[in-house]
């Protein structure tokens, strides 16, 4: 019910913008987040924008990534900058009504996209 777009190949130091849009329902009153996963790691939190407008970031991306929401299109975007090879992963968009303490916990989210691949390589 969520569709990600914008993944691709980018050189180290480059930027990329991911977008997440609902395909069947509105997520206006949902908390939205981005997670990422590689074959070697569990799904990890990247960034979230809660219903109240507050944003949260993983320490590894703080200062490099930004998350925003377009209420008109119900789209959430992840602007990624200063990308490094360790940022390479499949990025997933998630939505749900999430209690604050579980903002960074993937199990707190009810709706997921299928993911978009980001590869940072020269």
N, C-alpha and C. Protein backbone atom coordinates (compact mmCIF):
# COMPACT_ATOMS: atom_id res chain seq x y z
N UNK A 1 0.81 -1.20 0.00
CA UNK A 1 0.00 0.00 0.00
C UNK A 1 0.85 1.26 0.00
N UNK A 2 2.15 1.07 0.02
CA UNK A 2 3.09 2.18 -0.10
C UNK A 2 4.03 1.88 -1.25
N UNK A 3 4.37 2.89 -2.01
CA UNK A 3 5.24 2.70 -3.15
C UNK A 3 6.42 3.65 -3.06
N UNK A 4 7.63 3.08 -3.03
CA UNK A 4 8.84 3.89 -3.01
C UNK A 4 9.35 4.11 -4.43
N UNK A 5 10.04 5.20 -4.59
CA UNK A 5 10.69 5.49 -5.87
C UNK A 5 11.92 6.35 -5.61
N UNK A 6 12.79 6.40 -6.60
CA UNK A 6 13.94 7.29 -6.51
C UNK A 6 15.27 6.61 -6.23
N UNK A 7 15.26 5.32 -6.03
CA UNK A 7 16.52 4.63 -5.79
C UNK A 7 17.37 4.56 -7.05
N UNK A 8 18.63 4.18 -6.87
CA UNK A 8 19.50 4.05 -8.01
C UNK A 8 20.96 4.03 -7.60
N UNK A 9 21.81 4.22 -8.58
CA UNK A 9 23.25 4.22 -8.37
C UNK A 9 23.75 5.66 -8.27
N UNK A 10 24.54 5.93 -7.26
CA UNK A 10 25.10 7.27 -7.07
C UNK A 10 26.53 7.14 -6.59
N UNK A 11 27.35 8.10 -6.95
CA UNK A 11 28.74 8.08 -6.53
C UNK A 11 28.89 8.57 -5.09
N UNK A 12 29.92 8.14 -4.41
CA UNK A 12 30.16 8.63 -3.04
C UNK A 12 30.22 10.16 -3.02
N UNK A 13 29.57 10.71 -2.03
CA UNK A 13 29.47 12.16 -1.92
C UNK A 13 28.27 12.74 -2.62
N UNK A 14 27.56 11.93 -3.37
CA UNK A 14 26.41 12.40 -4.13
C UNK A 14 25.14 12.43 -3.32
N UNK A 15 24.06 12.81 -4.00
CA UNK A 15 22.75 12.95 -3.35
C UNK A 15 21.71 12.14 -4.10
N UNK A 16 20.65 11.83 -3.38
CA UNK A 16 19.54 11.07 -3.96
C UNK A 16 18.30 11.42 -3.17
N UNK A 17 17.18 11.43 -3.85
CA UNK A 17 15.91 11.72 -3.17
C UNK A 17 14.97 10.56 -3.38
N UNK A 18 14.51 9.99 -2.29
CA UNK A 18 13.53 8.91 -2.32
C UNK A 18 12.15 9.47 -2.01
N UNK A 19 11.15 8.90 -2.64
CA UNK A 19 9.77 9.30 -2.38
C UNK A 19 8.93 8.09 -2.04
N UNK A 20 7.92 8.34 -1.24
CA UNK A 20 7.00 7.28 -0.82
C UNK A 20 5.59 7.81 -0.94
N UNK A 21 4.77 7.10 -1.71
CA UNK A 21 3.40 7.54 -1.91
C UNK A 21 2.45 6.38 -1.64
N UNK A 22 1.28 6.66 -1.08
CA UNK A 22 0.31 5.59 -0.86
C UNK A 22 -0.33 5.18 -2.18
N UNK A 23 -0.63 3.91 -2.29
CA UNK A 23 -1.22 3.42 -3.52
C UNK A 23 -2.72 3.19 -3.40
N UNK A 24 -3.20 2.98 -2.18
CA UNK A 24 -4.61 2.64 -2.05
C UNK A 24 -5.35 3.42 -0.98
N UNK A 25 -4.65 3.99 -0.06
CA UNK A 25 -5.34 4.67 1.02
C UNK A 25 -4.52 5.86 1.46
N UNK A 26 -5.10 6.70 2.24
CA UNK A 26 -4.39 7.86 2.71
C UNK A 26 -3.66 7.55 4.00
N UNK A 27 -2.52 8.18 4.18
CA UNK A 27 -1.75 8.00 5.40
C UNK A 27 -1.56 9.33 6.11
N UNK A 28 -2.52 10.21 5.91
CA UNK A 28 -2.42 11.54 6.48
C UNK A 28 -2.24 11.51 7.99
N UNK A 29 -2.95 10.61 8.64
CA UNK A 29 -2.91 10.55 10.10
C UNK A 29 -1.99 9.45 10.61
N UNK A 30 -0.99 9.11 9.83
CA UNK A 30 -0.06 8.07 10.21
C UNK A 30 1.33 8.64 10.43
N UNK A 31 2.08 7.98 11.27
CA UNK A 31 3.50 8.27 11.40
C UNK A 31 4.21 7.59 10.23
N UNK A 32 5.18 8.28 9.66
CA UNK A 32 5.86 7.76 8.49
C UNK A 32 7.35 7.63 8.78
N UNK A 33 7.97 6.63 8.18
CA UNK A 33 9.39 6.43 8.46
C UNK A 33 10.07 5.75 7.28
N UNK A 34 11.37 5.84 7.29
CA UNK A 34 12.21 5.12 6.35
C UNK A 34 13.15 4.20 7.14
N UNK A 35 13.25 2.98 6.63
CA UNK A 35 14.19 2.01 7.16
C UNK A 35 15.06 1.52 6.01
N UNK A 36 16.14 0.86 6.32
CA UNK A 36 16.99 0.29 5.27
C UNK A 36 17.52 -1.07 5.73
N UNK A 37 17.87 -1.86 4.75
CA UNK A 37 18.34 -3.21 5.07
C UNK A 37 19.32 -3.70 4.02
N UNK A 38 20.37 -4.36 4.47
CA UNK A 38 21.30 -5.06 3.61
C UNK A 38 21.24 -6.53 3.95
N UNK A 39 21.75 -7.39 3.07
CA UNK A 39 21.72 -8.84 3.36
C UNK A 39 22.43 -9.20 4.67
N UNK A 40 23.38 -8.38 5.07
CA UNK A 40 24.17 -8.72 6.25
C UNK A 40 23.60 -8.15 7.54
N UNK A 41 22.59 -7.31 7.43
CA UNK A 41 22.08 -6.64 8.62
C UNK A 41 20.58 -6.75 8.73
N UNK A 42 20.10 -6.56 9.95
CA UNK A 42 18.66 -6.46 10.16
C UNK A 42 18.19 -5.10 9.67
N UNK A 43 16.90 -5.00 9.47
CA UNK A 43 16.33 -3.73 9.03
C UNK A 43 16.60 -2.67 10.10
N UNK A 44 17.14 -1.55 9.65
CA UNK A 44 17.49 -0.51 10.61
C UNK A 44 16.79 0.80 10.31
N UNK A 45 16.53 1.52 11.36
CA UNK A 45 15.85 2.80 11.29
C UNK A 45 16.74 3.84 10.61
N UNK A 46 16.12 4.66 9.77
CA UNK A 46 16.84 5.75 9.12
C UNK A 46 16.29 7.11 9.56
N UNK A 47 14.99 7.29 9.35
CA UNK A 47 14.38 8.58 9.68
C UNK A 47 12.88 8.41 9.81
N UNK A 48 12.28 9.31 10.57
CA UNK A 48 10.82 9.28 10.74
C UNK A 48 10.28 10.69 10.84
N UNK A 49 9.07 10.83 10.37
CA UNK A 49 8.32 12.06 10.57
C UNK A 49 6.98 11.67 11.16
N UNK A 50 6.78 12.07 12.40
CA UNK A 50 5.56 11.67 13.09
C UNK A 50 4.40 12.59 12.72
N UNK A 51 3.21 12.19 13.14
CA UNK A 51 2.00 12.95 12.81
C UNK A 51 2.08 14.38 13.31
N UNK A 52 2.79 14.56 14.45
CA UNK A 52 2.84 15.90 15.03
C UNK A 52 3.89 16.78 14.35
N UNK A 53 4.57 16.22 13.35
CA UNK A 53 5.56 17.00 12.61
C UNK A 53 6.99 16.83 13.09
N UNK A 54 7.16 16.20 14.25
CA UNK A 54 8.52 16.01 14.75
C UNK A 54 9.25 14.99 13.88
N UNK A 55 10.54 15.22 13.71
CA UNK A 55 11.37 14.32 12.91
C UNK A 55 12.46 13.68 13.76
N UNK A 56 12.84 12.50 13.36
CA UNK A 56 13.85 11.72 14.08
C UNK A 56 14.79 11.10 13.06
N UNK A 57 16.06 11.01 13.43
CA UNK A 57 17.06 10.46 12.51
C UNK A 57 17.98 9.51 13.25
N UNK A 58 18.46 8.51 12.53
CA UNK A 58 19.52 7.66 13.05
C UNK A 58 20.79 8.52 13.14
N UNK A 59 21.61 8.21 14.12
CA UNK A 59 22.85 8.98 14.30
C UNK A 59 23.72 8.94 13.05
N UNK A 60 23.69 7.83 12.35
CA UNK A 60 24.57 7.65 11.18
C UNK A 60 24.17 8.54 10.01
N UNK A 61 22.96 9.07 10.01
CA UNK A 61 22.52 9.90 8.88
C UNK A 61 22.20 11.33 9.30
N UNK A 62 22.28 11.61 10.59
CA UNK A 62 21.94 12.95 11.08
C UNK A 62 22.85 13.99 10.44
N UNK A 63 22.25 15.04 9.93
CA UNK A 63 23.01 16.09 9.27
C UNK A 63 23.20 15.85 7.79
N UNK A 64 22.93 14.64 7.32
CA UNK A 64 23.09 14.32 5.89
C UNK A 64 21.75 14.06 5.22
N UNK A 65 20.81 13.53 5.97
CA UNK A 65 19.49 13.19 5.43
C UNK A 65 18.43 14.12 5.98
N UNK A 66 17.39 14.31 5.19
CA UNK A 66 16.24 15.09 5.64
C UNK A 66 14.97 14.37 5.22
N UNK A 67 13.96 14.45 6.06
CA UNK A 67 12.68 13.83 5.74
C UNK A 67 11.61 14.91 5.71
N UNK A 68 10.75 14.82 4.72
CA UNK A 68 9.71 15.83 4.57
C UNK A 68 8.42 15.18 4.11
N UNK A 69 7.34 15.92 4.28
CA UNK A 69 6.03 15.37 3.91
C UNK A 69 5.25 16.42 3.14
N UNK A 70 4.64 15.99 2.06
CA UNK A 70 3.79 16.85 1.26
C UNK A 70 2.35 16.45 1.55
N UNK A 71 1.65 17.29 2.29
CA UNK A 71 0.27 16.94 2.68
C UNK A 71 -0.66 16.87 1.47
N UNK A 72 -0.39 17.68 0.47
CA UNK A 72 -1.27 17.71 -0.69
C UNK A 72 -1.26 16.39 -1.44
N UNK A 73 -0.10 15.76 -1.50
CA UNK A 73 0.01 14.50 -2.24
C UNK A 73 0.16 13.30 -1.31
N UNK A 74 0.21 13.57 0.00
CA UNK A 74 0.38 12.49 0.98
C UNK A 74 1.66 11.71 0.71
N UNK A 75 2.69 12.43 0.28
CA UNK A 75 3.97 11.82 -0.06
C UNK A 75 5.02 12.18 0.97
N UNK A 76 5.82 11.21 1.30
CA UNK A 76 6.95 11.44 2.20
C UNK A 76 8.24 11.25 1.42
N UNK A 77 9.15 12.16 1.58
CA UNK A 77 10.41 12.10 0.85
C UNK A 77 11.59 12.02 1.79
N UNK A 78 12.62 11.36 1.33
CA UNK A 78 13.88 11.28 2.07
C UNK A 78 14.97 11.84 1.18
N UNK A 79 15.47 13.00 1.54
CA UNK A 79 16.56 13.63 0.80
C UNK A 79 17.87 13.18 1.43
N UNK A 80 18.68 12.51 0.63
CA UNK A 80 19.93 11.95 1.15
C UNK A 80 21.11 12.67 0.52
N UNK A 81 22.03 13.12 1.35
CA UNK A 81 23.21 13.81 0.86
C UNK A 81 24.49 13.21 1.44
N UNK A 82 25.60 13.60 0.85
CA UNK A 82 26.92 13.10 1.28
C UNK A 82 26.91 11.58 1.43
N UNK A 83 26.35 10.95 0.43
CA UNK A 83 26.18 9.49 0.51
C UNK A 83 27.52 8.76 0.49
N UNK A 84 27.55 7.69 1.25
CA UNK A 84 28.74 6.87 1.37
C UNK A 84 28.39 5.42 1.04
N UNK A 85 29.39 4.61 0.70
CA UNK A 85 29.08 3.21 0.36
C UNK A 85 28.30 2.49 1.45
N UNK A 86 28.52 2.84 2.70
CA UNK A 86 27.79 2.17 3.79
C UNK A 86 26.32 2.55 3.83
N UNK A 87 25.91 3.53 3.04
CA UNK A 87 24.49 3.87 2.92
C UNK A 87 23.78 2.97 1.91
N UNK A 88 24.53 2.17 1.20
CA UNK A 88 23.94 1.26 0.22
C UNK A 88 23.03 0.26 0.92
N UNK A 89 21.82 0.15 0.43
CA UNK A 89 20.85 -0.75 1.05
C UNK A 89 19.55 -0.68 0.26
N UNK A 90 18.64 -1.56 0.60
CA UNK A 90 17.26 -1.40 0.14
C UNK A 90 16.56 -0.53 1.17
N UNK A 91 15.96 0.53 0.70
CA UNK A 91 15.27 1.48 1.57
C UNK A 91 13.78 1.22 1.51
N UNK A 92 13.18 1.15 2.69
CA UNK A 92 11.76 0.85 2.80
C UNK A 92 11.03 2.02 3.46
N UNK A 93 9.87 2.29 2.93
CA UNK A 93 8.97 3.27 3.54
C UNK A 93 7.99 2.52 4.43
N UNK A 94 7.65 3.11 5.56
CA UNK A 94 6.73 2.48 6.49
C UNK A 94 5.76 3.51 7.05
N UNK A 95 4.59 3.03 7.43
CA UNK A 95 3.58 3.91 8.00
C UNK A 95 2.81 3.18 9.10
N UNK A 96 2.29 3.93 10.03
CA UNK A 96 1.50 3.34 11.09
C UNK A 96 1.18 4.35 12.15
N UNK A 97 0.39 3.93 13.10
CA UNK A 97 0.15 4.72 14.30
C UNK A 97 1.09 4.15 15.35
N UNK A 98 2.13 4.87 15.62
CA UNK A 98 3.26 4.32 16.39
C UNK A 98 3.44 5.10 17.69
N UNK A 99 3.52 4.40 18.80
CA UNK A 99 3.79 5.11 20.05
C UNK A 99 5.21 5.66 19.99
N UNK A 100 5.41 6.75 20.67
CA UNK A 100 6.66 7.49 20.57
C UNK A 100 7.89 6.62 20.83
N UNK A 101 7.81 5.77 21.83
CA UNK A 101 8.96 4.95 22.21
C UNK A 101 9.34 3.92 21.16
N UNK A 102 8.44 3.69 20.20
CA UNK A 102 8.72 2.70 19.16
C UNK A 102 8.95 3.34 17.80
N UNK A 103 9.20 4.60 17.79
CA UNK A 103 9.42 5.32 16.52
C UNK A 103 10.52 4.69 15.70
N UNK A 104 11.54 4.17 16.35
CA UNK A 104 12.70 3.60 15.64
C UNK A 104 12.62 2.08 15.50
N UNK A 105 11.51 1.50 15.88
CA UNK A 105 11.33 0.05 15.87
C UNK A 105 10.47 -0.35 14.68
N UNK A 106 11.02 -1.14 13.75
CA UNK A 106 10.23 -1.51 12.56
C UNK A 106 8.95 -2.26 12.91
N UNK A 107 8.94 -2.97 14.02
CA UNK A 107 7.74 -3.73 14.39
C UNK A 107 6.59 -2.82 14.79
N UNK A 108 6.86 -1.54 14.97
CA UNK A 108 5.79 -0.62 15.33
C UNK A 108 4.97 -0.13 14.15
N UNK A 109 5.38 -0.46 12.94
CA UNK A 109 4.73 0.04 11.73
C UNK A 109 3.90 -1.05 11.07
N UNK A 110 2.74 -0.66 10.59
CA UNK A 110 1.78 -1.62 10.04
C UNK A 110 1.85 -1.75 8.51
N UNK A 111 2.29 -0.71 7.85
CA UNK A 111 2.26 -0.69 6.39
C UNK A 111 3.67 -0.47 5.85
N UNK A 112 3.98 -1.23 4.80
CA UNK A 112 5.32 -1.18 4.23
C UNK A 112 5.28 -1.17 2.71
N UNK A 113 6.28 -0.53 2.14
CA UNK A 113 6.47 -0.64 0.71
C UNK A 113 7.38 -1.82 0.42
N UNK A 114 7.63 -2.03 -0.85
CA UNK A 114 8.46 -3.18 -1.25
C UNK A 114 9.94 -2.83 -1.31
N UNK A 115 10.25 -1.58 -1.16
CA UNK A 115 11.64 -1.17 -1.09
C UNK A 115 12.19 -0.67 -2.41
N UNK A 116 13.21 0.17 -2.30
CA UNK A 116 13.92 0.68 -3.47
C UNK A 116 15.42 0.61 -3.17
N UNK A 117 16.17 0.15 -4.14
CA UNK A 117 17.59 -0.11 -3.94
C UNK A 117 18.42 1.16 -4.15
N UNK A 118 19.27 1.44 -3.19
CA UNK A 118 20.23 2.54 -3.29
C UNK A 118 21.63 1.94 -3.25
N UNK A 119 22.40 2.25 -4.28
CA UNK A 119 23.77 1.76 -4.35
C UNK A 119 24.71 2.95 -4.46
N UNK A 120 25.64 3.05 -3.52
CA UNK A 120 26.61 4.13 -3.52
C UNK A 120 27.96 3.52 -3.87
N UNK A 121 28.42 3.84 -5.06
CA UNK A 121 29.65 3.23 -5.53
C UNK A 121 30.27 4.08 -6.63
N UNK A 122 31.59 4.04 -6.69
CA UNK A 122 32.28 4.75 -7.76
C UNK A 122 32.52 3.82 -8.95
